[in-house]
Amino acid sequence: MEVLTIDTFKEKIFDFTATKEWTYKGQKPAVIDFYADWCGPCHQLNPILQDTAELFNGQVNFYKVNTEASPELAALFEVRSIPSLLFIPLGEEPAMASGVIPREKLEQAIREIFTL
């Protein structure tokens, strides 16, 4: 999973400096994990995300945002607790979920939100 910086976020996801209206730049739905290296629950979620990324390989892009390195991105989506997952469907507004999500629930959410 690629860790996004502000520059790569603006290039691949949304250029919030060019427009305030949400416009997703990706060609596939995406999931962004907002995390921090010191966060225990984030470490619990990581293998679940890795497995889920493999399961949906080619259908969904998975990214990570380190909230310590990119606090502006966390603020942009009003991330108040970590881990938080941002689900970005094509042509729709993104949706946020917080906390460690069990693998089965995460897979179900991806299938429902992205209609896969």
Protein backbone atom coordinates (compact mmCIF):
# COMPACT_ATOMS: atom_id res chain seq x y z
CA MET A 1 0.00 0.00 0.00
CA GLU A 2 1.35 3.36 -1.01
CA VAL A 3 1.77 5.99 1.71
CA LEU A 4 0.47 9.26 0.32
CA THR A 5 2.18 12.58 0.86
CA ILE A 6 0.36 15.85 0.30
CA ASP A 7 1.75 16.01 -3.25
CA THR A 8 0.82 12.43 -4.19
CA PHE A 9 -2.59 12.89 -2.55
CA LYS A 10 -3.24 15.96 -4.73
CA GLU A 11 -2.02 14.06 -7.80
CA LYS A 12 -3.90 10.76 -7.27
CA ILE A 13 -6.90 11.56 -5.07
CA PHE A 14 -8.02 15.19 -4.87
CA ASP A 15 -6.29 18.53 -5.41
CA PHE A 16 -7.81 20.50 -2.56
CA THR A 17 -5.70 23.54 -3.44
CA ALA A 18 -7.30 23.82 -6.89
CA THR A 19 -10.95 23.36 -5.90
CA LYS A 20 -13.09 22.98 -2.79
CA GLU A 21 -15.64 20.79 -4.59
CA TRP A 22 -14.85 17.09 -4.19
CA THR A 23 -13.48 15.65 -7.43
CA TYR A 24 -11.86 12.23 -7.17
CA LYS A 25 -9.02 11.77 -9.66
CA GLY A 26 -8.76 7.98 -9.49
CA GLN A 27 -9.97 5.45 -12.04
CA LYS A 28 -10.88 2.82 -9.40
CA PRO A 29 -12.57 3.11 -6.00
CA ALA A 30 -10.11 3.65 -3.16
CA VAL A 31 -9.68 3.09 0.54
CA ILE A 32 -7.37 5.39 2.49
CA ASP A 33 -6.13 4.35 5.93
CA PHE A 34 -5.37 7.31 8.21
CA TYR A 35 -2.88 6.01 10.79
CA ALA A 36 0.09 6.84 13.00
CA ASP A 37 3.16 4.72 13.72
CA TRP A 38 2.58 4.87 17.50
CA CYS A 39 -1.07 3.73 17.26
CA GLY A 40 -1.71 0.19 18.55
CA PRO A 41 -5.12 -0.23 16.88
CA CYS A 42 -3.55 0.96 13.60
CA HIS A 43 -1.07 -1.92 13.85
CA GLN A 44 -3.99 -4.31 14.46
CA LEU A 45 -5.79 -3.04 11.36
CA ASN A 46 -2.74 -3.17 9.07
CA PRO A 47 -2.72 -6.95 8.35
CA ILE A 48 -6.48 -6.84 7.77
CA LEU A 49 -5.97 -4.07 5.21
CA GLN A 50 -3.08 -5.94 3.57
CA ASP A 51 -5.20 -9.07 3.13
CA THR A 52 -8.18 -7.07 1.90
CA ALA A 53 -5.99 -5.17 -0.57
CA GLU A 54 -4.82 -8.51 -2.00
CA LEU A 55 -8.41 -9.77 -2.22
CA PHE A 56 -9.56 -6.68 -4.16
CA ASN A 57 -6.33 -6.28 -6.15
CA GLY A 58 -7.11 -4.63 -9.49
CA GLN A 59 -10.59 -3.52 -8.36
CA VAL A 60 -9.84 -1.11 -5.49
CA ASN A 61 -6.79 1.05 -4.75
CA PHE A 62 -5.56 1.05 -1.14
CA TYR A 63 -3.52 3.91 0.29
CA LYS A 64 -2.25 5.06 3.67
CA VAL A 65 -1.87 8.55 5.15
CA ASN A 66 0.41 9.03 8.14
CA THR A 67 -1.44 11.60 10.24
CA GLU A 68 1.79 12.66 11.94
CA ALA A 69 3.59 13.33 8.65
CA SER A 70 0.54 14.82 6.86
CA PRO A 71 -1.70 16.48 9.47
CA GLU A 72 -3.21 18.70 6.75
CA LEU A 73 -4.74 15.65 5.08
CA ALA A 74 -6.16 14.39 8.36
CA ALA A 75 -7.63 17.85 9.00
CA LEU A 76 -9.10 18.00 5.48
CA PHE A 77 -11.27 14.97 6.30
CA GLU A 78 -11.77 15.91 9.97
CA VAL A 79 -10.05 12.75 11.19
CA ARG A 80 -10.44 12.85 14.97
CA SER A 81 -9.45 9.30 15.85
CA ILE A 82 -7.22 6.71 14.28
CA PRO A 83 -7.33 4.39 12.60
CA SER A 84 -9.90 5.92 10.26
CA LEU A 85 -10.74 4.59 6.82
CA LEU A 86 -11.93 6.79 3.98
CA PHE A 87 -13.95 4.90 1.35
CA ILE A 88 -13.92 6.69 -2.02
CA PRO A 89 -16.43 5.36 -4.56
CA LEU A 90 -16.39 6.55 -8.17
CA GLY A 91 -18.69 9.50 -8.82
CA GLU A 92 -19.93 9.78 -5.22
CA GLU A 93 -18.97 11.46 -1.98
CA PRO A 94 -16.47 9.61 0.22
CA ALA A 95 -17.53 7.90 3.47
CA MET A 96 -15.51 7.56 6.68
CA ALA A 97 -15.31 4.76 9.25
CA SER A 98 -13.26 4.73 12.45
CA GLY A 99 -11.64 2.02 14.50
CA VAL A 100 -10.42 -1.50 13.84
CA ILE A 101 -12.83 -3.18 11.46
CA PRO A 102 -12.88 -7.00 11.35
CA ARG A 103 -11.84 -8.47 8.00
CA GLU A 104 -15.33 -9.79 7.15
CA LYS A 105 -16.96 -6.43 7.92
CA LEU A 106 -14.36 -4.56 5.88
CA GLU A 107 -14.86 -6.85 2.89
CA GLN A 108 -18.64 -6.47 3.21
CA ALA A 109 -18.36 -2.66 3.43
CA ILE A 110 -16.17 -2.54 0.32
CA ARG A 111 -18.58 -4.72 -1.65
CA GLU A 112 -21.60 -2.60 -0.55
CA ILE A 113 -20.06 0.87 -0.86
CA PHE A 114 -18.33 0.15 -4.17
CA THR A 115 -21.05 -2.24 -5.45
CA LEU A 116 -18.53 -4.98 -6.26
